[in-house]
Amino acid sequence: MKITVLGEGSWGTAVSTVLAANGYDVNLWCHDSALVQEINTKHTNSRYMPGIFLSPQIKASNDIEFVLKDADWIFEAVPVVYLRSVLQEAKPYYVDTQNWVVLSKGIENDTLLYPSQMIQDVFDDMANCVVLGGPSLARELVEQKITGIVLASENQLLAQQLKQLMVNTYCLPYLSNDPLGVQIGGALKNVVTLGVGMLKSTNCCDNTQAWFLTRGFAEIVSIAEYFGAQALTLYGLSGLGDLILCATGTGSRNFEVGAALGKGESLESILQRTGYTPEGINTLKSLNNIITDNNLTAPICAGLYKVVFEGMNFDTLLQKLISV
């Protein structure tokens, strides 16, 4: 069996370690050729997973034809903003027997498509696809901490096969037949987490945080149901669980950027200082269009767009929310 992971970032690396721990050889496609050399010689990924020794069963390459040719399972862990270009690069090597696993979380800005829809848009409407979601910080997964994930597909046999690849004593997969709901939960929790970060920067009390988090989650569920997702999906690991982890745990880039925004730092300054753009920022652009185009009621999500991109003060947003 040939297994490929597209993307050398923290999440692609983390999933690679799970598969390697389960005894599989993993072909890790890297955009950075220098990182290919480091992973293959030192068995480290100092940029995205510092201090961790990687299994020699993880082999890095920047040759996309090599990693995709004859691959049975392909895990894509590419930021949504770059996903379409990587899929276009992969398209010449796509065959309908491949099984694709979606690790990305977000919504494409131009098309408003979710990652599994992007795969079908570029390749084939019938492309075999499973969405992986749930509360799972990459480093904790690498450190083999007990982690629950959701594997969602309309093809439950395919999801069950993936479960057998990934399950072990610390990686605990649960099956779902609602890939849209899992993707909506995974994308929109990043937006609400931005807001929680802003809120915490104002030294708010626990009561206020609980109110904001609960109302933000209610908006996620409402939007998901509007587009036909199952509410039960959002109340599970891939919705509520993912939101709780990112908004109240440690290590969320969306929370970090939200907190900096709440302190008055400009988005441009934050992105330049940190060197990354969290998915919540790009998702917020797409989500605002979705809310506007469909005349949806989502005052927190719509208000966060105004704070991030239109200069509204976060305290002004809070006052508006109080009056809703």
Protein backbone atom coordinates (compact mmCIF):
# COMPACT_ATOMS: atom_id res chain seq x y z
CA MET A 1 0.00 0.00 0.00
CA LYS A 2 1.35 3.42 -0.95
CA ILE A 3 0.43 6.34 1.32
CA THR A 4 1.17 9.98 0.51
CA VAL A 5 0.77 13.14 2.57
CA LEU A 6 0.75 16.46 0.72
CA GLY A 7 2.07 19.25 2.93
CA GLU A 8 5.04 19.44 5.30
CA GLY A 9 3.36 21.73 7.85
CA SER A 10 2.58 20.77 11.42
CA TRP A 11 -0.68 18.97 10.59
CA GLY A 12 0.68 17.03 7.62
CA THR A 13 3.68 16.04 9.72
CA ALA A 14 1.48 14.99 12.63
CA VAL A 15 -0.75 12.73 10.53
CA SER A 16 2.38 11.24 8.95
CA THR A 17 3.63 10.25 12.40
CA VAL A 18 0.36 8.46 13.19
CA LEU A 19 0.56 6.44 9.99
CA ALA A 20 4.25 5.66 10.56
CA ALA A 21 3.52 4.59 14.15
CA ASN A 22 0.98 2.16 12.71
CA GLY A 23 3.70 0.56 10.59
CA TYR A 24 3.13 2.27 7.24
CA ASP A 25 5.70 3.90 5.00
CA VAL A 26 4.71 7.51 4.30
CA ASN A 27 5.68 9.66 1.34
CA LEU A 28 5.61 13.27 2.57
CA TRP A 29 5.46 15.82 -0.26
CA CYS A 30 7.16 19.07 0.72
CA HIS A 31 7.09 22.40 -1.05
CA ASP A 32 10.39 23.36 0.62
CA SER A 33 13.28 21.42 -0.92
CA ALA A 34 15.56 22.25 2.02
CA LEU A 35 13.09 20.59 4.35
CA VAL A 36 13.15 17.45 2.19
CA GLN A 37 16.87 17.15 2.87
CA GLU A 38 16.42 17.73 6.61
CA ILE A 39 13.63 15.19 7.02
CA ASN A 40 15.44 12.50 5.05
CA THR A 41 18.86 12.95 6.69
CA LYS A 42 18.15 14.24 10.20
CA HIS A 43 14.59 12.91 10.59
CA THR A 44 13.45 16.27 11.96
CA ASN A 45 11.15 19.05 10.82
CA SER A 46 12.62 21.97 12.74
CA ARG A 47 10.41 24.57 11.09
CA TYR A 48 7.01 23.06 11.87
CA MET A 49 7.67 20.44 14.57
CA PRO A 50 10.84 21.48 16.46
CA GLY A 51 12.30 19.09 18.99
CA ILE A 52 10.60 16.01 17.54
CA PHE A 53 12.38 13.01 16.02
CA LEU A 54 10.48 11.62 13.03
CA SER A 55 10.25 7.97 12.09
CA PRO A 56 12.59 6.89 9.28
CA GLN A 57 9.44 5.46 7.67
CA ILE A 58 8.53 9.04 6.72
CA LYS A 59 10.30 9.79 3.44
CA ALA A 60 10.16 13.36 2.12
CA SER A 61 10.11 14.38 -1.55
CA ASN A 62 9.29 17.47 -3.61
CA ASP A 63 8.52 15.36 -6.69
CA ILE A 64 4.73 15.36 -6.86
CA GLU A 65 4.64 12.82 -9.70
CA PHE A 66 6.66 10.35 -7.63
CA VAL A 67 4.55 10.67 -4.49
CA LEU A 68 1.23 10.42 -6.36
CA LYS A 69 2.03 7.68 -8.87
CA ASP A 70 0.39 4.41 -7.72
CA ALA A 71 -0.68 6.00 -4.42
CA ASP A 72 -3.64 4.32 -2.72
CA TRP A 73 -4.27 6.95 -0.04
CA ILE A 74 -3.49 10.65 -0.39
CA PHE A 75 -3.82 12.95 2.64
CA GLU A 76 -3.87 16.60 1.66
CA ALA A 77 -2.74 19.00 4.39
CA VAL A 78 -2.43 22.18 2.35
CA PRO A 79 -3.73 25.61 3.49
CA VAL A 80 -6.96 26.32 1.59
CA VAL A 81 -5.51 29.44 -0.03
CA TYR A 82 -2.92 27.23 -1.80
CA LEU A 83 -4.98 24.06 -2.16
CA ARG A 84 -6.34 24.63 -5.68
CA SER A 85 -2.88 25.29 -7.13
CA VAL A 86 -1.54 22.08 -5.54
CA LEU A 87 -4.53 20.11 -6.84
CA GLN A 88 -3.94 21.50 -10.32
CA GLU A 89 -0.33 20.35 -10.06
CA ALA A 90 -1.56 16.92 -8.95
CA LYS A 91 -4.25 16.60 -11.60
CA PRO A 92 -2.11 14.89 -14.28
CA TYR A 93 -1.48 12.05 -11.81
CA TYR A 94 -5.04 11.65 -10.56
CA VAL A 95 -6.78 8.32 -11.13
CA ASP A 96 -10.23 7.35 -9.92
CA THR A 97 -8.91 4.54 -7.73
CA GLN A 98 -7.14 7.00 -5.43
CA ASN A 99 -8.62 7.72 -2.00
CA TRP A 100 -8.23 11.34 -0.88
CA VAL A 101 -8.33 12.45 2.76
CA VAL A 102 -9.09 16.10 3.50
CA LEU A 103 -7.06 17.59 6.35
CA SER A 104 -7.49 21.27 5.38
CA LYS A 105 -10.01 23.47 7.21
CA GLY A 106 -11.44 26.53 5.49
CA ILE A 107 -13.47 27.92 2.59
CA GLU A 108 -12.00 29.02 -0.74
CA ASN A 109 -12.43 32.78 -1.19
CA ASP A 110 -13.32 32.93 -4.89
CA THR A 111 -15.64 29.91 -5.15
CA LEU A 112 -16.86 29.54 -1.53
CA LEU A 113 -16.13 25.81 -1.84
CA TYR A 114 -14.99 23.58 1.02
CA PRO A 115 -11.85 21.43 0.50
CA SER A 116 -13.64 18.20 -0.48
CA GLN A 117 -15.69 20.19 -3.00
CA MET A 118 -12.47 21.69 -4.38
CA ILE A 119 -11.06 18.19 -4.92
CA GLN A 120 -14.19 17.18 -6.81
CA ASP A 121 -14.15 20.44 -8.75
CA VAL A 122 -10.57 19.95 -9.94
CA PHE A 123 -10.59 16.16 -10.42
CA ASP A 124 -13.96 14.47 -10.64
CA ASP A 125 -17.38 14.78 -9.01
CA MET A 126 -17.06 11.13 -8.04
CA ALA A 127 -13.57 11.40 -6.50
CA ASN A 128 -13.19 9.14 -3.45
CA CYS A 129 -12.98 11.47 -0.46
CA VAL A 130 -13.00 11.32 3.35
CA VAL A 131 -12.91 14.43 5.55
CA LEU A 132 -10.86 14.27 8.75
CA GLY A 133 -11.87 16.70 11.50
CA GLY A 134 -12.08 17.12 15.24
CA PRO A 135 -10.14 18.69 18.13
CA SER A 136 -6.55 17.73 17.41
CA LEU A 137 -3.54 19.92 18.07
CA ALA A 138 -0.74 18.66 15.86
CA ARG A 139 2.00 18.57 18.46
CA GLU A 140 -0.10 16.66 20.97
CA LEU A 141 -0.90 14.07 18.32
CA VAL A 142 2.82 13.72 17.55
CA GLU A 143 3.44 13.29 21.28
CA GLN A 144 0.89 10.46 21.21
CA LYS A 145 -1.63 12.10 23.52
CA ILE A 146 -5.12 10.58 23.36
CA THR A 147 -6.92 12.37 20.53
CA GLY A 148 -10.42 11.88 19.10
CA ILE A 149 -10.93 12.58 15.41
CA VAL A 150 -13.88 12.31 13.02
CA LEU A 151 -13.74 10.61 9.62
CA ALA A 152 -16.65 11.74 7.48
CA SER A 153 -17.74 10.41 4.11
CA GLU A 154 -20.90 9.52 2.27
CA ASN A 155 -19.05 6.26 1.54
CA GLN A 156 -18.98 4.62 4.97
CA LEU A 157 -16.99 1.64 3.72
CA LEU A 158 -14.21 4.02 2.67
CA ALA A 159 -14.35 5.80 6.03
CA GLN A 160 -14.13 2.43 7.81
CA GLN A 161 -11.06 1.49 5.76
CA LEU A 162 -9.41 4.77 6.73
CA LYS A 163 -10.24 4.14 10.36
CA GLN A 164 -8.32 0.87 10.20
CA LEU A 165 -5.29 2.75 8.85
CA MET A 166 -5.30 5.34 11.62
CA VAL A 167 -6.68 3.79 14.80
CA ASN A 168 -4.29 2.98 17.62
CA THR A 169 -4.04 3.45 21.38
CA TYR A 170 -3.97 7.26 21.17
CA CYS A 171 -5.62 8.14 17.83
CA LEU A 172 -9.33 7.38 18.18
CA PRO A 173 -11.39 7.82 14.98
CA TYR A 174 -15.18 8.12 14.97
CA LEU A 175 -17.22 7.77 11.77
CA SER A 176 -19.68 10.26 10.30
CA ASN A 177 -21.74 10.42 7.12
CA ASP A 178 -21.80 14.23 7.13
CA PRO A 179 -18.63 15.57 5.44
CA LEU A 180 -20.22 18.97 4.87
CA GLY A 181 -21.05 19.39 8.54
CA VAL A 182 -17.53 18.40 9.59
CA GLN A 183 -16.03 20.93 7.17
CA ILE A 184 -18.36 23.74 8.23
CA GLY A 185 -17.56 23.11 11.89
CA GLY A 186 -13.82 22.96 11.20
CA ALA A 187 -13.81 26.17 9.18
CA LEU A 188 -16.15 28.35 11.23
CA LYS A 189 -14.67 27.49 14.63
CA ASN A 190 -11.55 29.34 13.47
CA VAL A 191 -13.61 32.50 12.97
CA VAL A 192 -15.22 32.31 16.40
CA THR A 193 -11.79 31.59 17.92
CA LEU A 194 -10.50 34.85 16.45
CA GLY A 195 -13.29 36.59 18.35
CA VAL A 196 -12.54 34.77 21.60
CA GLY A 197 -8.91 35.87 21.27
CA MET A 198 -10.04 39.48 20.87
CA LEU A 199 -12.32 39.10 23.88
CA LYS A 200 -9.57 37.70 26.11
CA SER A 201 -7.31 40.63 25.21
CA THR A 202 -9.85 42.92 26.89
CA ASN A 203 -9.40 41.02 30.19
CA CYS A 204 -13.02 39.91 30.13
CA CYS A 205 -14.46 37.69 32.83
CA ASP A 206 -15.34 34.02 32.43
CA ASN A 207 -19.06 34.82 32.22
CA THR A 208 -18.52 37.01 29.17
CA GLN A 209 -16.33 34.43 27.46
CA ALA A 210 -18.93 31.70 28.02
CA TRP A 211 -21.66 33.95 26.58
CA PHE A 212 -19.61 34.87 23.51
CA LEU A 213 -18.47 31.30 22.86
CA THR A 214 -21.98 29.87 23.19
CA ARG A 215 -23.56 32.48 20.93
CA GLY A 216 -20.79 32.02 18.38
CA PHE A 217 -21.36 28.28 18.38
CA ALA A 218 -25.09 28.84 17.88
CA GLU A 219 -24.28 30.83 14.73
CA ILE A 220 -22.11 27.97 13.44
CA VAL A 221 -24.95 25.48 13.95
CA SER A 222 -27.48 27.80 12.31
CA ILE A 223 -25.31 28.31 9.23
CA ALA A 224 -24.55 24.61 8.96
CA GLU A 225 -28.23 23.66 9.14
CA TYR A 226 -29.10 26.28 6.51
CA PHE A 227 -26.83 24.48 4.04
CA GLY A 228 -28.15 21.02 4.88
CA ALA A 229 -25.61 19.77 7.41
CA GLN A 230 -26.71 17.75 10.42
CA ALA A 231 -26.93 19.67 13.71
CA LEU A 232 -25.80 16.52 15.54
CA THR A 233 -22.47 16.70 13.68
CA LEU A 234 -21.83 20.18 15.06
CA TYR A 235 -22.57 19.05 18.62
CA GLY A 236 -19.83 16.42 18.35
CA LEU A 237 -16.04 16.40 18.14
CA SER A 238 -15.81 18.14 14.78
CA GLY A 239 -17.92 21.12 15.85
CA LEU A 240 -18.23 21.84 19.56
CA GLY A 241 -15.16 19.77 20.43
CA ASP A 242 -12.97 21.55 17.89
CA LEU A 243 -14.24 24.96 19.02
CA ILE A 244 -13.62 24.25 22.71
CA LEU A 245 -10.04 23.16 22.00
CA CYS A 246 -9.14 26.14 19.82
CA ALA A 247 -10.93 28.80 21.86
CA THR A 248 -9.93 27.67 25.34
CA GLY A 249 -6.79 25.59 24.86
CA THR A 250 -3.25 26.67 24.05
CA GLY A 251 -1.48 26.72 20.72
CA SER A 252 -4.21 28.13 18.44
CA ARG A 253 -2.86 30.57 15.86
CA ASN A 254 -6.36 31.96 15.36
CA PHE A 255 -6.60 32.77 19.07
CA GLU A 256 -3.14 34.35 19.04
CA VAL A 257 -3.94 36.60 16.08
CA GLY A 258 -7.34 37.48 17.53
CA ALA A 259 -5.73 38.53 20.81
CA ALA A 260 -3.26 40.78 18.96
CA LEU A 261 -6.09 42.36 16.98
CA GLY A 262 -7.99 42.96 20.21
CA LYS A 263 -5.00 44.86 21.60
CA GLY A 264 -5.13 47.21 18.62
CA GLU A 265 -2.33 45.83 16.45
CA SER A 266 -3.09 46.02 12.73
CA LEU A 267 -3.63 42.84 10.76
CA GLU A 268 -0.78 43.76 8.41
CA SER A 269 1.60 44.17 11.34
CA ILE A 270 0.52 40.88 12.92
CA LEU A 271 0.96 38.87 9.73
CA GLN A 272 4.37 40.41 9.11
CA ARG A 273 5.48 39.75 12.69
CA THR A 274 4.24 36.17 12.92
CA GLY A 275 4.99 35.11 9.35
CA TYR A 276 1.73 33.23 8.91
CA THR A 277 -1.93 33.83 8.12
CA PRO A 278 -4.25 31.63 10.20
CA GLU A 279 -7.11 29.95 8.36
CA GLY A 280 -9.65 32.00 10.31
CA ILE A 281 -8.61 35.18 8.51
CA ASN A 282 -9.16 33.74 5.03
CA THR A 283 -12.30 31.93 6.14
CA LEU A 284 -13.74 35.18 7.51
CA LYS A 285 -13.65 36.69 4.01
CA SER A 286 -15.52 33.74 2.53
CA LEU A 287 -17.96 33.56 5.41
CA ASN A 288 -18.90 37.22 5.11
CA ASN A 289 -19.81 36.64 1.47
CA ILE A 290 -21.86 33.59 2.42
CA ILE A 291 -23.74 35.54 5.09
CA THR A 292 -24.40 38.47 2.74
CA ASP A 293 -25.35 36.39 -0.31
CA ASN A 294 -27.83 34.29 1.65
CA ASN A 295 -29.14 37.03 3.95
CA LEU A 296 -28.21 35.03 7.04
CA THR A 297 -28.38 36.30 10.61
CA ALA A 298 -24.96 35.88 12.21
CA PRO A 299 -24.09 39.05 14.15
CA ILE A 300 -20.89 37.71 15.72
CA CYS A 301 -19.38 36.39 12.49
CA ALA A 302 -20.50 39.41 10.45
CA GLY A 303 -19.26 41.76 13.15
CA LEU A 304 -15.85 40.09 13.32
CA TYR A 305 -15.44 40.77 9.60
CA LYS A 306 -16.01 44.48 10.27
CA VAL A 307 -13.47 44.44 13.10
CA VAL A 308 -10.76 42.68 11.07
CA PHE A 309 -11.26 44.26 7.66
CA GLU A 310 -13.22 47.47 8.14
CA GLY A 311 -11.67 48.94 11.26
CA MET A 312 -14.57 48.56 13.70
CA ASN A 313 -13.49 48.65 17.32
CA PHE A 314 -14.08 45.34 19.12
CA ASP A 315 -15.80 47.12 22.02
CA THR A 316 -18.24 48.57 19.51
CA LEU A 317 -19.03 45.05 18.32
CA LEU A 318 -19.67 43.93 21.90
CA GLN A 319 -22.10 46.78 22.44
CA LYS A 320 -23.94 45.87 19.23
CA LEU A 321 -24.15 42.23 20.34
CA ILE A 322 -25.60 43.20 23.70
CA SER A 323 -28.46 44.98 21.95
CA VAL A 324 -29.27 42.06 19.61
